Structures are given as C-alpha cells and as structure tokens.
C-alpha cells in the first residue's frame, strides 16, 4: 500500500515505514504530523484518486529530525568585465517517518 502526498509544493510517493526529507515543518522532534493533501492511494482493493485531493485521505508521520541540506553554490560570472559573484544556500528540511496511511 502506498500513497502520493503533497507538502511544501512537492509531491512524494510514500509507503508505511518510509523515511523522507520534506520542506521544514513547524513541529518538534518526536511529534506526529498529518498530511491531509493526499492525491492518490493504492491498496489491495485498487487505486483511489482525488480531484485534486481525496476526501478523508490522511497520512500520519512521526518527525525524526530537523536539519539543513547540502550547500548549493551559485556563481554569476561575466567574462572580460571583472564581474564574479559567489553565493551559497542551504535549505532547511524535516525528516519524517511514515507511520500510517488511511
């Protein structure tokens, strides 16, 4: 059984027990969060899809940790103009473990 959820402007295919990193959530470590924007659920009975979301669809997850991703370097360069600009960015994330799909 798996589901497709939407959080942080992205879509994820998740199953029970999966661990994934999503955009930062306002929840402390060990807390349970619920994703109610469920796009699709695949089970033994078949496939249920929403338009755009399933009514009554819910995916529960436990917050494992918060952190920051790998550094991304941004370089802007113009040749022969003595112009070079460096910038870096590290995105915040929340690691969650899926506990239940209903």
N, C-alpha and C. Protein backbone atom coordinates (compact mmCIF):
# COMPACT_ATOMS: atom_id res chain seq x y z
N UNK A 1 0.84 -1.17 0.00
CA UNK A 1 0.00 0.00 0.00
C UNK A 1 0.89 1.24 0.00
N UNK A 2 0.55 2.19 -0.86
CA UNK A 2 1.29 3.44 -0.89
C UNK A 2 0.34 4.59 -1.22
N UNK A 3 0.84 5.80 -1.01
CA UNK A 3 0.04 6.99 -1.28
C UNK A 3 0.94 8.05 -1.90
N UNK A 4 0.32 8.99 -2.58
CA UNK A 4 1.02 10.16 -3.12
C UNK A 4 0.49 11.36 -2.37
N UNK A 5 1.40 12.08 -1.68
CA UNK A 5 1.01 13.24 -0.89
C UNK A 5 1.67 14.48 -1.44
N UNK A 6 1.13 15.63 -1.04
CA UNK A 6 1.71 16.91 -1.45
C UNK A 6 2.03 17.70 -0.18
N UNK A 7 3.27 18.18 -0.08
CA UNK A 7 3.69 19.03 1.02
C UNK A 7 4.86 19.88 0.55
N UNK A 8 4.86 21.12 0.94
CA UNK A 8 5.94 22.03 0.58
C UNK A 8 6.03 22.28 -0.91
N UNK A 9 4.92 22.17 -1.64
CA UNK A 9 4.92 22.41 -3.07
C UNK A 9 5.47 21.25 -3.89
N UNK A 10 5.74 20.12 -3.25
CA UNK A 10 6.26 18.95 -3.95
C UNK A 10 5.37 17.75 -3.68
N UNK A 11 5.47 16.75 -4.53
CA UNK A 11 4.69 15.53 -4.37
C UNK A 11 5.63 14.37 -4.06
N UNK A 12 5.22 13.49 -3.15
CA UNK A 12 6.03 12.36 -2.73
C UNK A 12 5.19 11.09 -2.76
N UNK A 13 5.81 10.00 -3.20
CA UNK A 13 5.18 8.67 -3.12
C UNK A 13 5.70 8.02 -1.85
N UNK A 14 4.80 7.69 -0.93
CA UNK A 14 5.21 7.20 0.38
C UNK A 14 4.48 5.89 0.70
N UNK A 15 5.15 5.07 1.47
CA UNK A 15 4.58 3.84 1.99
C UNK A 15 4.83 3.78 3.48
N UNK A 16 4.17 2.88 4.18
CA UNK A 16 4.36 2.75 5.63
C UNK A 16 5.81 2.37 5.93
N UNK A 17 6.42 3.10 6.85
CA UNK A 17 7.81 2.85 7.24
C UNK A 17 8.83 3.64 6.46
N UNK A 18 8.42 4.35 5.42
CA UNK A 18 9.37 5.15 4.62
C UNK A 18 9.85 6.36 5.41
N UNK A 19 11.12 6.72 5.17
CA UNK A 19 11.69 7.94 5.74
C UNK A 19 11.99 8.88 4.59
N UNK A 20 11.59 10.14 4.74
CA UNK A 20 11.87 11.09 3.68
C UNK A 20 12.10 12.47 4.26
N UNK A 21 12.79 13.30 3.48
CA UNK A 21 13.09 14.67 3.88
C UNK A 21 12.16 15.59 3.12
N UNK A 22 11.37 16.37 3.85
CA UNK A 22 10.42 17.31 3.26
C UNK A 22 10.82 18.73 3.68
N UNK A 23 10.17 19.71 3.07
CA UNK A 23 10.41 21.10 3.46
C UNK A 23 10.14 21.26 4.95
N UNK A 24 10.79 22.24 5.57
CA UNK A 24 10.71 22.42 7.02
C UNK A 24 9.27 22.54 7.50
N UNK A 25 8.94 21.75 8.54
CA UNK A 25 7.62 21.78 9.17
C UNK A 25 7.73 22.36 10.57
N UNK A 26 6.69 23.03 11.02
CA UNK A 26 6.68 23.59 12.38
C UNK A 26 6.19 22.53 13.36
N UNK A 27 7.04 21.57 13.66
CA UNK A 27 6.73 20.50 14.60
C UNK A 27 8.04 20.09 15.26
N UNK A 28 7.96 19.76 16.55
CA UNK A 28 9.17 19.37 17.26
C UNK A 28 9.46 17.89 17.02
N UNK A 29 10.69 17.48 17.34
CA UNK A 29 11.10 16.10 17.13
C UNK A 29 10.28 15.17 18.02
N UNK A 30 9.87 14.04 17.46
CA UNK A 30 9.05 13.08 18.18
C UNK A 30 7.56 13.33 18.06
N UNK A 31 7.18 14.48 17.54
CA UNK A 31 5.77 14.82 17.38
C UNK A 31 5.20 14.13 16.14
N UNK A 32 3.89 13.90 16.14
CA UNK A 32 3.22 13.28 15.00
C UNK A 32 2.56 14.37 14.16
N UNK A 33 2.76 14.29 12.84
CA UNK A 33 2.13 15.23 11.91
C UNK A 33 1.24 14.45 10.97
N UNK A 34 0.23 15.14 10.42
CA UNK A 34 -0.69 14.50 9.49
C UNK A 34 -0.68 15.27 8.18
N UNK A 35 -0.54 14.56 7.08
CA UNK A 35 -0.61 15.16 5.75
C UNK A 35 -2.00 14.86 5.21
N UNK A 36 -2.80 15.92 5.01
CA UNK A 36 -4.17 15.71 4.53
C UNK A 36 -4.33 15.99 3.05
N UNK A 37 -3.27 16.47 2.39
CA UNK A 37 -3.33 16.67 0.94
C UNK A 37 -2.86 15.38 0.25
N UNK A 38 -3.76 14.41 0.23
CA UNK A 38 -3.47 13.10 -0.37
C UNK A 38 -4.04 13.10 -1.78
N UNK A 39 -3.19 12.85 -2.77
CA UNK A 39 -3.60 12.86 -4.16
C UNK A 39 -4.08 11.50 -4.64
N UNK A 40 -3.48 10.42 -4.10
CA UNK A 40 -3.81 9.08 -4.57
C UNK A 40 -3.45 8.07 -3.50
N UNK A 41 -4.25 7.00 -3.41
CA UNK A 41 -3.93 5.88 -2.53
C UNK A 41 -4.07 4.59 -3.33
N UNK A 42 -3.04 3.75 -3.26
CA UNK A 42 -3.05 2.44 -3.92
C UNK A 42 -3.07 1.39 -2.82
N UNK A 43 -4.09 0.52 -2.84
CA UNK A 43 -4.19 -0.54 -1.84
C UNK A 43 -4.58 -1.84 -2.54
N UNK A 44 -4.88 -2.87 -1.75
CA UNK A 44 -5.28 -4.16 -2.31
C UNK A 44 -6.61 -4.06 -3.06
N UNK A 45 -7.49 -3.17 -2.62
CA UNK A 45 -8.80 -3.01 -3.28
C UNK A 45 -8.68 -2.31 -4.63
N UNK A 46 -7.64 -1.51 -4.82
CA UNK A 46 -7.47 -0.80 -6.08
C UNK A 46 -6.88 0.58 -5.86
N UNK A 47 -7.06 1.44 -6.85
CA UNK A 47 -6.50 2.78 -6.82
C UNK A 47 -7.62 3.79 -6.61
N UNK A 48 -7.40 4.70 -5.66
CA UNK A 48 -8.34 5.80 -5.44
C UNK A 48 -7.62 7.10 -5.73
N UNK A 49 -8.19 7.93 -6.59
CA UNK A 49 -7.58 9.21 -6.92
C UNK A 49 -8.53 10.33 -6.53
N UNK A 50 -7.94 11.47 -6.23
CA UNK A 50 -8.73 12.63 -5.86
C UNK A 50 -8.77 13.64 -6.99
N UNK A 51 -9.62 14.65 -6.81
CA UNK A 51 -9.73 15.70 -7.82
C UNK A 51 -9.78 17.05 -7.13
N UNK A 52 -8.73 17.68 -6.70
CA UNK A 52 -7.35 17.18 -6.74
C UNK A 52 -6.97 16.33 -5.53
N UNK A 53 -7.70 16.44 -4.39
CA UNK A 53 -7.33 15.70 -3.19
C UNK A 53 -8.43 14.71 -2.83
N UNK A 54 -8.04 13.63 -2.17
CA UNK A 54 -9.00 12.64 -1.68
C UNK A 54 -9.67 13.16 -0.42
N UNK A 55 -10.97 13.06 -0.35
CA UNK A 55 -11.67 13.44 0.87
C UNK A 55 -11.54 12.32 1.89
N UNK A 56 -11.11 12.66 3.08
CA UNK A 56 -10.92 11.66 4.13
C UNK A 56 -9.58 10.95 4.05
N UNK A 57 -8.77 11.25 3.06
CA UNK A 57 -7.44 10.64 2.96
C UNK A 57 -6.48 11.31 3.92
N UNK A 58 -5.68 10.51 4.62
CA UNK A 58 -4.77 11.05 5.62
C UNK A 58 -3.54 10.16 5.73
N UNK A 59 -2.39 10.79 5.82
CA UNK A 59 -1.14 10.07 6.02
C UNK A 59 -0.50 10.62 7.28
N UNK A 60 -0.22 9.75 8.25
CA UNK A 60 0.40 10.16 9.51
C UNK A 60 1.89 9.87 9.47
N UNK A 61 2.66 10.78 10.08
CA UNK A 61 4.11 10.61 10.11
C UNK A 61 4.66 11.12 11.43
N UNK A 62 5.81 10.58 11.80
CA UNK A 62 6.50 10.99 13.02
C UNK A 62 7.74 11.78 12.63
N UNK A 63 7.95 12.93 13.27
CA UNK A 63 9.11 13.78 12.98
C UNK A 63 10.34 13.15 13.62
N UNK A 64 11.34 12.86 12.79
CA UNK A 64 12.58 12.24 13.27
C UNK A 64 13.61 13.30 13.63
N UNK A 65 13.86 14.25 12.71
CA UNK A 65 14.89 15.26 12.93
C UNK A 65 14.67 16.45 12.03
N UNK A 66 15.32 17.55 12.40
CA UNK A 66 15.38 18.74 11.56
C UNK A 66 16.84 18.93 11.15
N UNK A 67 17.06 19.54 10.00
CA UNK A 67 18.43 19.75 9.57
C UNK A 67 18.51 20.70 8.39
N UNK A 68 19.71 20.77 7.83
CA UNK A 68 19.95 21.60 6.66
C UNK A 68 20.60 20.74 5.60
N UNK A 69 20.21 20.97 4.36
CA UNK A 69 20.71 20.18 3.24
C UNK A 69 22.13 20.56 2.85
N UNK A 70 22.59 19.93 1.79
CA UNK A 70 23.90 20.19 1.23
C UNK A 70 23.98 21.61 0.69
N UNK A 71 25.16 22.21 0.74
CA UNK A 71 25.33 23.57 0.26
C UNK A 71 25.29 23.60 -1.26
N UNK A 72 24.54 24.56 -1.77
CA UNK A 72 24.46 24.78 -3.21
C UNK A 72 25.19 26.08 -3.50
N UNK A 73 26.17 26.03 -4.40
CA UNK A 73 26.92 27.22 -4.76
C UNK A 73 26.33 27.86 -6.00
N UNK A 74 26.13 29.18 -5.92
CA UNK A 74 25.63 29.94 -7.05
C UNK A 74 26.74 30.89 -7.47
N UNK A 75 27.13 30.80 -8.74
CA UNK A 75 28.20 31.67 -9.26
C UNK A 75 27.68 32.41 -10.48
N UNK A 76 27.77 33.73 -10.44
CA UNK A 76 27.42 34.55 -11.59
C UNK A 76 28.72 35.16 -12.10
N UNK A 77 28.96 35.00 -13.39
CA UNK A 77 30.24 35.39 -13.98
C UNK A 77 30.01 36.03 -15.34
N UNK A 78 30.65 37.19 -15.55
CA UNK A 78 30.62 37.83 -16.86
C UNK A 78 32.06 37.97 -17.33
N UNK A 79 32.35 37.39 -18.47
CA UNK A 79 33.73 37.39 -18.93
C UNK A 79 34.15 38.78 -19.40
N UNK A 80 35.41 39.07 -19.21
CA UNK A 80 36.06 40.32 -19.60
C UNK A 80 35.45 41.56 -18.94
N UNK A 81 34.69 41.42 -17.89
CA UNK A 81 34.06 42.58 -17.25
C UNK A 81 34.49 42.74 -15.79
N UNK A 82 35.36 41.88 -15.29
CA UNK A 82 35.78 41.89 -13.89
C UNK A 82 34.57 41.75 -12.96
N UNK A 83 33.65 40.86 -13.35
CA UNK A 83 32.46 40.65 -12.53
C UNK A 83 32.31 39.17 -12.22
N UNK A 84 32.32 38.87 -10.92
CA UNK A 84 32.10 37.49 -10.47
C UNK A 84 31.45 37.55 -9.10
N UNK A 85 30.34 36.87 -8.96
CA UNK A 85 29.58 36.92 -7.71
C UNK A 85 29.36 35.50 -7.20
N UNK A 86 29.71 35.24 -5.93
CA UNK A 86 29.51 33.95 -5.28
C UNK A 86 28.38 34.07 -4.27
N UNK A 87 27.57 33.03 -4.21
CA UNK A 87 26.51 32.98 -3.21
C UNK A 87 26.25 31.52 -2.90
N UNK A 88 25.92 31.22 -1.65
CA UNK A 88 25.62 29.86 -1.25
C UNK A 88 24.26 29.78 -0.57
N UNK A 89 23.69 28.56 -0.55
CA UNK A 89 22.39 28.37 0.07
C UNK A 89 22.30 26.96 0.63
N UNK A 90 21.74 26.84 1.83
CA UNK A 90 21.46 25.54 2.44
C UNK A 90 20.00 25.53 2.85
N UNK A 91 19.23 24.61 2.28
CA UNK A 91 17.79 24.54 2.53
C UNK A 91 17.50 23.78 3.82
N UNK A 92 16.59 24.29 4.63
CA UNK A 92 16.15 23.60 5.83
C UNK A 92 15.20 22.46 5.45
N UNK A 93 15.28 21.35 6.19
CA UNK A 93 14.39 20.22 5.92
C UNK A 93 13.95 19.59 7.24
N UNK A 94 12.90 18.78 7.16
CA UNK A 94 12.43 17.98 8.27
C UNK A 94 12.38 16.54 7.80
N UNK A 95 13.01 15.66 8.55
CA UNK A 95 12.99 14.23 8.20
C UNK A 95 11.84 13.57 8.96
N UNK A 96 10.97 12.89 8.20
CA UNK A 96 9.80 12.24 8.80
C UNK A 96 9.79 10.76 8.43
N UNK A 97 9.14 9.97 9.29
CA UNK A 97 8.93 8.55 9.03
C UNK A 97 7.43 8.31 8.97
N UNK A 98 6.98 7.71 7.88
CA UNK A 98 5.55 7.47 7.66
C UNK A 98 5.10 6.31 8.56
N UNK A 99 4.03 6.56 9.33
CA UNK A 99 3.55 5.53 10.25
C UNK A 99 2.25 4.89 9.80
N UNK A 100 1.34 5.68 9.16
CA UNK A 100 0.04 5.13 8.82
C UNK A 100 -0.53 5.83 7.60
N UNK A 101 -1.22 5.04 6.76
CA UNK A 101 -1.93 5.58 5.58
C UNK A 101 -3.39 5.16 5.74
N UNK A 102 -4.29 6.14 5.69
CA UNK A 102 -5.71 5.80 5.82
C UNK A 102 -6.55 6.66 4.86
